[in-house]
Amino acid sequence: MTTLAWISCAPLVVLICWSSVFAAKDRAVILNQLWVAAVGEAIWLIQAIAGGILSRGGGGADDFVTWISYAIIALLMLPGAAAVAFVERTRYSSVVMVVVSFVMLVMQWRMHGIWEGVA
């Protein structure tokens, strides 16, 4: 599960960097950024499914309810940011994408801690 957790961070880091540049240049989110977000969303979905399967088999998170709650909320965040990007065609769509991506990175860190039994 650890490898998948860190792979899921890659699109988020790309989105943070890319959207930060766009926000600094006073530009809105573009379709290619939303494709990166879709890839990140797909990886998070795979991670949630894998976590559910592993926990059902006896391994996995010590506190599965908290872990799956984080996963479900995270799965709702990127589509929400994409909706804002379509509605708000100013630099603030890029700011929202940066904030959501950063929050998801923090959630991934927490989920990793819960999975490993550290937190």
Protein backbone atom coordinates (compact mmCIF):
# COMPACT_ATOMS: atom_id res chain seq x y z
CA MET A 1 0.00 0.00 0.00
CA THR A 2 2.91 2.36 0.67
CA THR A 3 4.03 2.47 -2.98
CA LEU A 4 0.53 3.31 -4.17
CA ALA A 5 0.26 6.00 -1.50
CA TRP A 6 3.38 7.75 -2.73
CA ILE A 7 2.42 7.33 -6.38
CA SER A 8 -0.84 9.12 -5.60
CA CYS A 9 1.17 12.13 -4.40
CA ALA A 10 2.85 12.72 -7.79
CA PRO A 11 -0.15 14.24 -9.61
CA LEU A 12 -0.86 16.40 -6.58
CA VAL A 13 2.67 17.81 -6.53
CA VAL A 14 2.42 18.49 -10.27
CA LEU A 15 -0.91 20.27 -9.74
CA ILE A 16 0.45 22.35 -6.87
CA CYS A 17 3.44 23.53 -8.90
CA TRP A 18 1.56 24.05 -12.16
CA SER A 19 -1.43 25.80 -10.59
CA SER A 20 0.84 27.99 -8.46
CA VAL A 21 2.54 29.25 -11.61
CA PHE A 22 -0.86 29.88 -13.19
CA ALA A 23 -2.12 31.72 -10.10
CA ALA A 24 1.02 33.88 -10.06
CA LYS A 25 0.49 34.68 -13.75
CA ASP A 26 -3.18 35.54 -13.10
CA ARG A 27 -4.45 32.64 -15.24
CA ALA A 28 -7.30 30.20 -14.77
CA VAL A 29 -7.04 26.42 -14.68
CA ILE A 30 -6.80 24.83 -18.14
CA LEU A 31 -8.09 21.49 -19.41
CA ASN A 32 -4.67 19.80 -19.22
CA GLN A 33 -4.53 20.52 -15.50
CA LEU A 34 -7.93 18.91 -15.12
CA TRP A 35 -6.59 15.83 -16.93
CA VAL A 36 -3.78 15.62 -14.36
CA ALA A 37 -6.42 15.94 -11.64
CA ALA A 38 -8.38 13.10 -13.28
CA VAL A 39 -5.28 10.89 -13.23
CA GLY A 40 -4.81 11.73 -9.55
CA GLU A 41 -8.46 10.93 -8.89
CA ALA A 42 -8.13 7.55 -10.61
CA ILE A 43 -5.09 6.69 -8.49
CA TRP A 44 -6.96 7.69 -5.31
CA LEU A 45 -9.89 5.49 -6.35
CA ILE A 46 -7.56 2.54 -6.91
CA GLN A 47 -5.99 3.21 -3.52
CA ALA A 48 -9.39 3.29 -1.79
CA ILE A 49 -10.46 0.03 -3.45
CA ALA A 50 -7.12 -1.64 -2.64
CA GLY A 51 -7.35 -0.44 0.95
CA GLY A 52 -10.83 -1.86 1.30
CA ILE A 53 -9.77 -5.21 -0.12
CA LEU A 54 -6.65 -5.41 2.06
CA SER A 55 -8.55 -4.45 5.20
CA ARG A 56 -11.23 -7.01 4.49
CA GLY A 57 -8.53 -9.68 4.30
CA GLY A 58 -7.30 -8.88 7.81
CA GLY A 59 -4.41 -6.56 6.98
CA GLY A 60 -4.51 -2.85 6.52
CA ALA A 61 -5.35 0.16 8.61
CA ASP A 62 -5.73 -0.06 12.38
CA ASP A 63 -8.59 2.45 12.22
CA PHE A 64 -10.25 1.55 8.94
CA VAL A 65 -13.27 3.83 9.45
CA THR A 66 -11.05 6.91 9.73
CA TRP A 67 -8.89 5.77 6.81
CA ILE A 68 -11.82 5.16 4.46
CA SER A 69 -13.42 8.45 5.58
CA TYR A 70 -10.28 10.29 4.51
CA ALA A 71 -10.31 8.41 1.20
CA ILE A 72 -13.97 9.22 0.48
CA ILE A 73 -13.56 12.92 1.30
CA ALA A 74 -10.43 13.08 -0.85
CA LEU A 75 -12.32 11.49 -3.74
CA LEU A 76 -14.83 14.35 -3.53
CA MET A 77 -12.28 17.17 -3.34
CA LEU A 78 -10.74 17.11 -6.84
CA PRO A 79 -14.11 16.97 -8.63
CA GLY A 80 -15.17 19.90 -6.46
CA ALA A 81 -12.06 21.84 -7.47
CA ALA A 82 -12.73 20.97 -11.12
CA ALA A 83 -16.29 22.29 -10.78
CA VAL A 84 -14.93 25.53 -9.34
CA ALA A 85 -12.48 25.71 -12.25
CA PHE A 86 -15.37 25.57 -14.72
CA VAL A 87 -17.47 28.13 -12.87
CA GLU A 88 -14.72 30.53 -11.80
CA ARG A 89 -12.65 31.37 -14.88
CA THR A 90 -10.21 33.64 -13.04
CA ARG A 91 -6.94 33.08 -11.23
CA TYR A 92 -8.91 31.96 -8.18
CA SER A 93 -9.64 28.64 -9.87
CA SER A 94 -5.87 28.07 -9.86
CA VAL A 95 -5.69 29.11 -6.20
CA VAL A 96 -8.46 26.64 -5.35
CA MET A 97 -6.60 23.88 -7.21
CA VAL A 98 -3.41 24.64 -5.22
CA VAL A 99 -5.26 24.60 -1.89
CA VAL A 100 -7.19 21.40 -2.66
CA SER A 101 -4.06 19.62 -3.89
CA PHE A 102 -2.14 20.64 -0.77
CA VAL A 103 -4.97 19.51 1.52
CA MET A 104 -5.03 16.17 -0.30
CA LEU A 105 -1.28 15.78 0.23
CA VAL A 106 -1.81 16.31 3.95
CA MET A 107 -4.68 13.82 3.91
CA GLN A 108 -2.44 11.30 2.14
CA TRP A 109 0.20 11.77 4.84
CA ARG A 110 -2.45 11.17 7.52
CA MET A 111 -3.82 8.13 5.70
CA HIS A 112 -0.32 6.70 5.45
CA GLY A 113 0.13 7.20 9.20
CA ILE A 114 -3.17 5.49 9.95
CA TRP A 115 -2.33 2.61 7.60
CA GLU A 116 1.08 2.06 9.16
CA GLY A 117 -0.32 2.33 12.69
CA VAL A 118 1.78 5.40 13.49
CA ALA A 119 -1.09 7.80 14.09
